[in-house]
Amino acid sequence: CEKHSSYVKDQLWECPKLMVSFHQKAAVGKLTGV
């Protein structure tokens, strides 16, 4: 999978981590418009 996608397992976790953190912080700070 790593060879064909060029992603290692740790890199796959970055997206869900970012999605959750953005969602948690969306009501405050710079993301209030979103």
PDB file of all heavy atoms in Angstrom:
ATOM      1  N   CYS A   1       0.835  -1.204   0.000  1.00  0.00           N
ATOM      2  CA  CYS A   1       0.000   0.000   0.000  1.00  0.00           C
ATOM      3  C   CYS A   1       0.870   1.253   0.000  1.00  0.00           C
ATOM      4  O   CYS A   1       0.592   2.210  -0.728  1.00  0.00           O
ATOM      5  CB  CYS A   1      -0.916   0.024   1.218  1.00  0.00           C
ATOM      6  SG  CYS A   1      -2.074  -1.348   1.293  1.00  0.00           S
ATOM      7  N   GLU A   2       1.914   1.235   0.810  1.00  0.00           N
ATOM      8  CA  GLU A   2       2.825   2.376   0.875  1.00  0.00           C
ATOM      9  C   GLU A   2       3.483   2.622  -0.480  1.00  0.00           C
ATOM     10  O   GLU A   2       3.605   3.761  -0.923  1.00  0.00           O
ATOM     11  CB  GLU A   2       3.895   2.149   1.935  1.00  0.00           C
ATOM     12  CG  GLU A   2       3.365   2.217   3.339  1.00  0.00           C
ATOM     13  CD  GLU A   2       4.420   1.916   4.382  1.00  0.00           C
ATOM     14  OE1 GLU A   2       5.638   1.939   4.065  1.00  0.00           O
ATOM     15  OE2 GLU A   2       4.026   1.654   5.531  1.00  0.00           O
ATOM     16  N   LYS A   3       3.896   1.547  -1.130  1.00  0.00           N
ATOM     17  CA  LYS A   3       4.571   1.677  -2.426  1.00  0.00           C
ATOM     18  C   LYS A   3       3.654   2.303  -3.476  1.00  0.00           C
ATOM     19  O   LYS A   3       4.053   3.196  -4.212  1.00  0.00           O
ATOM     20  CB  LYS A   3       5.041   0.306  -2.909  1.00  0.00           C
ATOM     21  CG  LYS A   3       5.731   0.342  -4.243  1.00  0.00           C
ATOM     22  CD  LYS A   3       6.155  -1.031  -4.701  1.00  0.00           C
ATOM     23  CE  LYS A   3       6.763  -0.963  -6.086  1.00  0.00           C
ATOM     24  NZ  LYS A   3       7.129  -2.266  -6.597  1.00  0.00           N
ATOM     25  N   HIS A   4       2.415   1.856  -3.536  1.00  0.00           N
ATOM     26  CA  HIS A   4       1.497   2.326  -4.572  1.00  0.00           C
ATOM     27  C   HIS A   4       0.874   3.687  -4.269  1.00  0.00           C
ATOM     28  O   HIS A   4       0.475   4.389  -5.180  1.00  0.00           O
ATOM     29  CB  HIS A   4       0.406   1.283  -4.816  1.00  0.00           C
ATOM     30  CG  HIS A   4       0.931   0.046  -5.472  1.00  0.00           C
ATOM     31  ND1 HIS A   4       1.325   0.013  -6.791  1.00  0.00           N
ATOM     32  CD2 HIS A   4       1.159  -1.192  -4.971  1.00  0.00           C
ATOM     33  CE1 HIS A   4       1.768  -1.201  -7.084  1.00  0.00           C
ATOM     34  NE2 HIS A   4       1.675  -1.950  -5.994  1.00  0.00           N
ATOM     35  N   SER A   5       0.792   4.030  -2.992  1.00  0.00           N
ATOM     36  CA  SER A   5       0.161   5.309  -2.644  1.00  0.00           C
ATOM     37  C   SER A   5       1.172   6.384  -2.259  1.00  0.00           C
ATOM     38  O   SER A   5       0.837   7.566  -2.250  1.00  0.00           O
ATOM     39  CB  SER A   5      -0.799   5.123  -1.474  1.00  0.00           C
ATOM     40  OG  SER A   5      -0.069   4.848  -0.286  1.00  0.00           O
ATOM     41  N   SER A   6       2.385   5.977  -1.907  1.00  0.00           N
ATOM     42  CA  SER A   6       3.431   6.882  -1.417  1.00  0.00           C
ATOM     43  C   SER A   6       3.104   7.476  -0.048  1.00  0.00           C
ATOM     44  O   SER A   6       3.644   8.503   0.333  1.00  0.00           O
ATOM     45  CB  SER A   6       3.699   8.012  -2.418  1.00  0.00           C
ATOM     46  OG  SER A   6       4.117   7.484  -3.640  1.00  0.00           O
ATOM     47  N   TYR A   7       2.177   6.856   0.693  1.00  0.00           N
ATOM     48  CA  TYR A   7       1.841   7.293   2.048  1.00  0.00           C
ATOM     49  C   TYR A   7       2.186   6.195   3.035  1.00  0.00           C
ATOM     50  O   TYR A   7       1.898   5.030   2.800  1.00  0.00           O
ATOM     51  CB  TYR A   7       0.350   7.602   2.189  1.00  0.00           C
ATOM     52  CG  TYR A   7      -0.088   8.831   1.445  1.00  0.00           C
ATOM     53  CD1 TYR A   7      -0.835   8.724   0.278  1.00  0.00           C
ATOM     54  CD2 TYR A   7       0.231  10.096   1.914  1.00  0.00           C
ATOM     55  CE1 TYR A   7      -1.241   9.854  -0.412  1.00  0.00           C
ATOM     56  CE2 TYR A   7      -0.172  11.220   1.228  1.00  0.00           C
ATOM     57  CZ  TYR A   7      -0.904  11.097   0.070  1.00  0.00           C
ATOM     58  OH  TYR A   7      -1.304  12.210  -0.598  1.00  0.00           O
ATOM     59  N   VAL A   8       2.775   6.589   4.153  1.00  0.00           N
ATOM     60  CA  VAL A   8       2.987   5.639   5.235  1.00  0.00           C
ATOM     61  C   VAL A   8       1.809   5.759   6.193  1.00  0.00           C
ATOM     62  O   VAL A   8       1.062   6.730   6.167  1.00  0.00           O
ATOM     63  CB  VAL A   8       4.328   5.875   5.976  1.00  0.00           C
ATOM     64  CG1 VAL A   8       5.498   5.628   5.049  1.00  0.00           C
ATOM     65  CG2 VAL A   8       4.395   7.251   6.567  1.00  0.00           C
ATOM     66  N   LYS A   9       1.647   4.768   7.051  1.00  0.00           N
ATOM     67  CA  LYS A   9       0.505   4.710   7.969  1.00  0.00           C
ATOM     68  C   LYS A   9       0.370   5.984   8.808  1.00  0.00           C
ATOM     69  O   LYS A   9      -0.730   6.509   8.975  1.00  0.00           O
ATOM     70  CB  LYS A   9       0.666   3.506   8.873  1.00  0.00           C
ATOM     71  CG  LYS A   9      -0.522   3.186   9.712  1.00  0.00           C
ATOM     72  CD  LYS A   9      -0.139   2.066  10.677  1.00  0.00           C
ATOM     73  CE  LYS A   9      -1.128   0.970  10.678  1.00  0.00           C
ATOM     74  NZ  LYS A   9      -0.795  -0.093  11.636  1.00  0.00           N
ATOM     75  N   ASP A  10       1.475   6.505   9.297  1.00  0.00           N
ATOM     76  CA  ASP A  10       1.430   7.718  10.124  1.00  0.00           C
ATOM     77  C   ASP A  10       0.878   8.917   9.360  1.00  0.00           C
ATOM     78  O   ASP A  10       0.177   9.755   9.926  1.00  0.00           O
ATOM     79  CB  ASP A  10       2.812   8.057  10.659  1.00  0.00           C
ATOM     80  CG  ASP A  10       3.313   7.041  11.669  1.00  0.00           C
ATOM     81  OD1 ASP A  10       2.467   6.337  12.272  1.00  0.00           O
ATOM     82  OD2 ASP A  10       4.530   6.948  11.858  1.00  0.00           O
ATOM     83  N   GLN A  11       1.183   8.996   8.085  1.00  0.00           N
ATOM     84  CA  GLN A  11       0.678  10.110   7.275  1.00  0.00           C
ATOM     85  C   GLN A  11      -0.834  10.038   7.096  1.00  0.00           C
ATOM     86  O   GLN A  11      -1.488  11.065   6.947  1.00  0.00           O
ATOM     87  CB  GLN A  11       1.357  10.120   5.909  1.00  0.00           C
ATOM     88  CG  GLN A  11       2.812  10.511   5.974  1.00  0.00           C
ATOM     89  CD  GLN A  11       3.488  10.365   4.630  1.00  0.00           C
ATOM     90  OE1 GLN A  11       3.323   9.355   3.946  1.00  0.00           O
ATOM     91  NE2 GLN A  11       4.249  11.375   4.247  1.00  0.00           N
ATOM     92  N   LEU A  12      -1.389   8.832   7.099  1.00  0.00           N
ATOM     93  CA  LEU A  12      -2.835   8.690   6.942  1.00  0.00           C
ATOM     94  C   LEU A  12      -3.585   9.273   8.124  1.00  0.00           C
ATOM     95  O   LEU A  12      -4.738   9.667   8.006  1.00  0.00           O
ATOM     96  CB  LEU A  12      -3.215   7.218   6.786  1.00  0.00           C
ATOM     97  CG  LEU A  12      -2.732   6.534   5.523  1.00  0.00           C
ATOM     98  CD1 LEU A  12      -3.158   5.081   5.531  1.00  0.00           C
ATOM     99  CD2 LEU A  12      -3.268   7.232   4.298  1.00  0.00           C
ATOM    100  N   TRP A  13      -2.966   9.334   9.282  1.00  0.00           N
ATOM    101  CA  TRP A  13      -3.621   9.842  10.481  1.00  0.00           C
ATOM    102  C   TRP A  13      -3.662  11.362  10.523  1.00  0.00           C
ATOM    103  O   TRP A  13      -4.432  11.942  11.288  1.00  0.00           O
ATOM    104  CB  TRP A  13      -2.932   9.314  11.736  1.00  0.00           C
ATOM    105  CG  TRP A  13      -3.440   7.965  12.073  1.00  0.00           C
ATOM    106  CD1 TRP A  13      -2.802   6.797  11.897  1.00  0.00           C
ATOM    107  CD2 TRP A  13      -4.724   7.642  12.611  1.00  0.00           C
ATOM    108  NE1 TRP A  13      -3.597   5.749  12.295  1.00  0.00           N
ATOM    109  CE2 TRP A  13      -4.780   6.251  12.738  1.00  0.00           C
ATOM    110  CE3 TRP A  13      -5.819   8.399  12.987  1.00  0.00           C
ATOM    111  CZ2 TRP A  13      -5.902   5.600  13.244  1.00  0.00           C
ATOM    112  CZ3 TRP A  13      -6.926   7.756  13.497  1.00  0.00           C
ATOM    113  CH2 TRP A  13      -6.962   6.374  13.610  1.00  0.00           C
ATOM    114  N   GLU A  14      -2.853  12.030   9.726  1.00  0.00           N
ATOM    115  CA  GLU A  14      -2.820  13.487   9.759  1.00  0.00           C
ATOM    116  C   GLU A  14      -4.167  14.102   9.380  1.00  0.00           C
ATOM    117  O   GLU A  14      -4.616  15.048  10.018  1.00  0.00           O
ATOM    118  CB  GLU A  14      -1.720  14.027   8.847  1.00  0.00           C
ATOM    119  CG  GLU A  14      -0.327  13.754   9.366  1.00  0.00           C
ATOM    120  CD  GLU A  14      -0.095  14.286  10.769  1.00  0.00           C
ATOM    121  OE1 GLU A  14      -0.414  15.459  11.032  1.00  0.00           O
ATOM    122  OE2 GLU A  14       0.380  13.509  11.611  1.00  0.00           O
ATOM    123  N   CYS A  15      -4.815  13.586   8.369  1.00  0.00           N
ATOM    124  CA  CYS A  15      -6.093  14.137   7.911  1.00  0.00           C
ATOM    125  C   CYS A  15      -7.180  14.063   8.983  1.00  0.00           C
ATOM    126  O   CYS A  15      -7.788  15.085   9.313  1.00  0.00           O
ATOM    127  CB  CYS A  15      -6.531  13.464   6.618  1.00  0.00           C
ATOM    128  SG  CYS A  15      -8.050  14.155   5.946  1.00  0.00           S
ATOM    129  N   PRO A  16      -7.464  12.891   9.567  1.00  0.00           N
ATOM    130  CA  PRO A  16      -8.499  12.869  10.602  1.00  0.00           C
ATOM    131  C   PRO A  16      -8.145  13.716  11.820  1.00  0.00           C
ATOM    132  O   PRO A  16      -9.017  14.341  12.413  1.00  0.00           O
ATOM    133  CB  PRO A  16      -8.639  11.401  10.984  1.00  0.00           C
ATOM    134  CG  PRO A  16      -7.667  10.633  10.194  1.00  0.00           C
ATOM    135  CD  PRO A  16      -7.007  11.551   9.238  1.00  0.00           C
ATOM    136  N   LYS A  17      -6.858  13.765  12.171  1.00  0.00           N
ATOM    137  CA  LYS A  17      -6.453  14.606  13.302  1.00  0.00           C
ATOM    138  C   LYS A  17      -6.772  16.068  13.021  1.00  0.00           C
ATOM    139  O   LYS A  17      -7.306  16.775  13.880  1.00  0.00           O
ATOM    140  CB  LYS A  17      -4.952  14.475  13.560  1.00  0.00           C
ATOM    141  CG  LYS A  17      -4.530  13.217  14.242  1.00  0.00           C
ATOM    142  CD  LYS A  17      -3.032  13.295  14.481  1.00  0.00           C
ATOM    143  CE  LYS A  17      -2.429  11.970  14.805  1.00  0.00           C
ATOM    144  NZ  LYS A  17      -0.971  12.049  14.933  1.00  0.00           N
ATOM    145  N   LEU A  18      -6.434  16.523  11.823  1.00  0.00           N
ATOM    146  CA  LEU A  18      -6.704  17.915  11.456  1.00  0.00           C
ATOM    147  C   LEU A  18      -8.204  18.194  11.394  1.00  0.00           C
ATOM    148  O   LEU A  18      -8.664  19.238  11.871  1.00  0.00           O
ATOM    149  CB  LEU A  18      -6.054  18.254  10.109  1.00  0.00           C
ATOM    150  CG  LEU A  18      -4.545  18.391  10.123  1.00  0.00           C
ATOM    151  CD1 LEU A  18      -4.012  18.521   8.704  1.00  0.00           C
ATOM    152  CD2 LEU A  18      -4.126  19.582  10.959  1.00  0.00           C
ATOM    153  N   MET A  19      -8.960  17.271  10.808  1.00  0.00           N
ATOM    154  CA  MET A  19     -10.414  17.471  10.710  1.00  0.00           C
ATOM    155  C   MET A  19     -11.044  17.625  12.089  1.00  0.00           C
ATOM    156  O   MET A  19     -11.851  18.529  12.312  1.00  0.00           O
ATOM    157  CB  MET A  19     -11.059  16.300   9.961  1.00  0.00           C
ATOM    158  CG  MET A  19     -10.787  16.303   8.488  1.00  0.00           C
ATOM    159  SD  MET A  19     -11.412  14.886   7.555  1.00  0.00           S
ATOM    160  CE  MET A  19     -12.674  14.188   8.511  1.00  0.00           C
ATOM    161  N   VAL A  20     -10.674  16.768  13.010  1.00  0.00           N
ATOM    162  CA  VAL A  20     -11.239  16.825  14.357  1.00  0.00           C
ATOM    163  C   VAL A  20     -10.807  18.106  15.063  1.00  0.00           C
ATOM    164  O   VAL A  20     -11.626  18.797  15.673  1.00  0.00           O
ATOM    165  CB  VAL A  20     -10.847  15.581  15.185  1.00  0.00           C
ATOM    166  CG1 VAL A  20     -11.235  15.746  16.643  1.00  0.00           C
ATOM    167  CG2 VAL A  20     -11.491  14.338  14.600  1.00  0.00           C
ATOM    168  N   SER A  21      -9.539  18.464  14.968  1.00  0.00           N
ATOM    169  CA  SER A  21      -9.082  19.673  15.661  1.00  0.00           C
ATOM    170  C   SER A  21      -9.724  20.924  15.081  1.00  0.00           C
ATOM    171  O   SER A  21     -10.109  21.830  15.831  1.00  0.00           O
ATOM    172  CB  SER A  21      -7.559  19.778  15.633  1.00  0.00           C
ATOM    173  OG  SER A  21      -7.085  20.086  14.360  1.00  0.00           O
ATOM    174  N   PHE A  22      -9.875  21.007  13.772  1.00  0.00           N
ATOM    175  CA  PHE A  22     -10.549  22.165  13.164  1.00  0.00           C
ATOM    176  C   PHE A  22     -12.003  22.233  13.616  1.00  0.00           C
ATOM    177  O   PHE A  22     -12.518  23.301  13.916  1.00  0.00           O
ATOM    178  CB  PHE A  22     -10.487  22.102  11.636  1.00  0.00           C
ATOM    179  CG  PHE A  22      -9.125  22.358  11.061  1.00  0.00           C
ATOM    180  CD1 PHE A  22      -8.766  21.792   9.859  1.00  0.00           C
ATOM    181  CD2 PHE A  22      -8.197  23.156  11.710  1.00  0.00           C
ATOM    182  CE1 PHE A  22      -7.516  22.016   9.309  1.00  0.00           C
ATOM    183  CE2 PHE A  22      -6.938  23.390  11.176  1.00  0.00           C
ATOM    184  CZ  PHE A  22      -6.601  22.818   9.962  1.00  0.00           C
ATOM    185  N   HIS A  23     -12.670  21.090  13.661  1.00  0.00           N
ATOM    186  CA  HIS A  23     -14.069  21.054  14.070  1.00  0.00           C
ATOM    187  C   HIS A  23     -14.211  21.491  15.535  1.00  0.00           C
ATOM    188  O   HIS A  23     -15.112  22.246  15.885  1.00  0.00           O
ATOM    189  CB  HIS A  23     -14.636  19.658  13.873  1.00  0.00           C
ATOM    190  CG  HIS A  23     -16.127  19.598  13.950  1.00  0.00           C
ATOM    191  ND1 HIS A  23     -16.827  18.500  13.558  1.00  0.00           N
ATOM    192  CD2 HIS A  23     -17.056  20.483  14.369  1.00  0.00           C
ATOM    193  CE1 HIS A  23     -18.123  18.718  13.746  1.00  0.00           C
ATOM    194  NE2 HIS A  23     -18.279  19.905  14.247  1.00  0.00           N
ATOM    195  N   GLN A  24     -13.302  21.047  16.386  1.00  0.00           N
ATOM    196  CA  GLN A  24     -13.351  21.408  17.795  1.00  0.00           C
ATOM    197  C   GLN A  24     -13.123  22.899  18.012  1.00  0.00           C
ATOM    198  O   GLN A  24     -13.689  23.495  18.917  1.00  0.00           O
ATOM    199  CB  GLN A  24     -12.299  20.619  18.592  1.00  0.00           C
ATOM    200  CG  GLN A  24     -12.623  19.159  18.729  1.00  0.00           C
ATOM    201  CD  GLN A  24     -11.476  18.359  19.325  1.00  0.00           C
ATOM    202  OE1 GLN A  24     -10.314  18.733  19.209  1.00  0.00           O
ATOM    203  NE2 GLN A  24     -11.801  17.238  19.952  1.00  0.00           N
ATOM    204  N   LYS A  25     -12.293  23.521  17.187  1.00  0.00           N
ATOM    205  CA  LYS A  25     -11.925  24.921  17.356  1.00  0.00           C
ATOM    206  C   LYS A  25     -12.745  25.880  16.483  1.00  0.00           C
ATOM    207  O   LYS A  25     -12.526  27.085  16.529  1.00  0.00           O
ATOM    208  CB  LYS A  25     -10.452  25.103  17.020  1.00  0.00           C
ATOM    209  CG  LYS A  25      -9.530  24.320  17.924  1.00  0.00           C
ATOM    210  CD  LYS A  25      -8.102  24.402  17.435  1.00  0.00           C
ATOM    211  CE  LYS A  25      -7.199  23.503  18.236  1.00  0.00           C
ATOM    212  NZ  LYS A  25      -5.845  23.451  17.678  1.00  0.00           N
ATOM    213  N   ALA A  26     -13.677  25.362  15.710  1.00  0.00           N
ATOM    214  CA  ALA A  26     -14.374  26.178  14.712  1.00  0.00           C
ATOM    215  C   ALA A  26     -15.202  27.315  15.301  1.00  0.00           C
ATOM    216  O   ALA A  26     -15.353  28.354  14.673  1.00  0.00           O
ATOM    217  CB  ALA A  26     -15.264  25.300  13.840  1.00  0.00           C
ATOM    218  N   ALA A  27     -15.741  27.156  16.473  1.00  0.00           N
ATOM    219  CA  ALA A  27     -16.604  28.185  17.047  1.00  0.00           C
ATOM    220  C   ALA A  27     -15.824  29.366  17.608  1.00  0.00           C
ATOM    221  O   ALA A  27     -16.413  30.410  17.903  1.00  0.00           O
ATOM    222  CB  ALA A  27     -17.483  27.585  18.130  1.00  0.00           C
ATOM    223  N   VAL A  28     -14.531  29.228  17.762  1.00  0.00           N
ATOM    224  CA  VAL A  28     -13.708  30.303  18.316  1.00  0.00           C
ATOM    225  C   VAL A  28     -12.518  30.583  17.406  1.00  0.00           C
ATOM    226  O   VAL A  28     -12.185  29.782  16.550  1.00  0.00           O
ATOM    227  CB  VAL A  28     -13.178  29.941  19.727  1.00  0.00           C
ATOM    228  CG1 VAL A  28     -14.317  29.803  20.708  1.00  0.00           C
ATOM    229  CG2 VAL A  28     -12.370  28.675  19.700  1.00  0.00           C
ATOM    230  N   GLY A  29     -11.905  31.710  17.590  1.00  0.00           N
ATOM    231  CA  GLY A  29     -10.701  32.026  16.828  1.00  0.00           C
ATOM    232  C   GLY A  29     -10.986  32.444  15.400  1.00  0.00           C
ATOM    233  O   GLY A  29     -11.971  33.115  15.111  1.00  0.00           O
ATOM    234  N   LYS A  30     -10.123  32.012  14.503  1.00  0.00           N
ATOM    235  CA  LYS A  30     -10.170  32.444  13.108  1.00  0.00           C
ATOM    236  C   LYS A  30     -11.199  31.716  12.257  1.00  0.00           C
ATOM    237  O   LYS A  30     -11.430  32.083  11.121  1.00  0.00           O
ATOM    238  CB  LYS A  30      -8.790  32.268  12.469  1.00  0.00           C
ATOM    239  CG  LYS A  30      -7.714  33.118  13.108  1.00  0.00           C
ATOM    240  CD  LYS A  30      -6.380  32.879  12.459  1.00  0.00           C
ATOM    241  CE  LYS A  30      -5.318  33.734  13.118  1.00  0.00           C
ATOM    242  NZ  LYS A  30      -4.006  33.521  12.506  1.00  0.00           N
ATOM    243  N   LEU A  31     -11.815  30.675  12.788  1.00  0.00           N
ATOM    244  CA  LEU A  31     -12.734  29.867  11.994  1.00  0.00           C
ATOM    245  C   LEU A  31     -14.204  30.178  12.265  1.00  0.00           C
ATOM    246  O   LEU A  31     -15.082  29.415  11.877  1.00  0.00           O
ATOM    247  CB  LEU A  31     -12.469  28.377  12.248  1.00  0.00           C
ATOM    248  CG  LEU A  31     -11.078  27.879  11.858  1.00  0.00           C
ATOM    249  CD1 LEU A  31     -10.891  26.444  12.282  1.00  0.00           C
ATOM    250  CD2 LEU A  31     -10.853  28.023  10.372  1.00  0.00           C
ATOM    251  N   THR A  32     -14.507  31.316  12.882  1.00  0.00           N
ATOM    252  CA  THR A  32     -15.905  31.615  13.224  1.00  0.00           C
ATOM    253  C   THR A  32     -16.775  31.782  11.981  1.00  0.00           C
ATOM    254  O   THR A  32     -17.943  31.410  11.999  1.00  0.00           O
ATOM    255  CB  THR A  32     -16.012  32.870  14.103  1.00  0.00           C
ATOM    256  OG1 THR A  32     -15.367  33.962  13.438  1.00  0.00           O
ATOM    257  CG2 THR A  32     -15.401  32.636  15.465  1.00  0.00           C
ATOM    258  N   GLY A  33     -16.217  32.318  10.915  1.00  0.00           N
ATOM    259  CA  GLY A  33     -16.978  32.460   9.673  1.00  0.00           C
ATOM    260  C   GLY A  33     -17.362  31.118   9.082  1.00  0.00           C
ATOM    261  O   GLY A  33     -18.484  30.916   8.614  1.00  0.00           O
ATOM    262  N   VAL A  34     -16.439  30.190   9.120  1.00  0.00           N
ATOM    263  CA  VAL A  34     -16.701  28.832   8.632  1.00  0.00           C
ATOM    264  C   VAL A  34     -17.749  28.175   9.516  1.00  0.00           C
ATOM    265  O   VAL A  34     -18.685  27.530   9.027  1.00  0.00           O
ATOM    266  CB  VAL A  34     -15.398  27.995   8.619  1.00  0.00           C
ATOM    267  CG1 VAL A  34     -15.679  26.551   8.256  1.00  0.00           C
ATOM    268  CG2 VAL A  34     -14.392  28.600   7.664  1.00  0.00           C
TER     269      VAL A  34
END
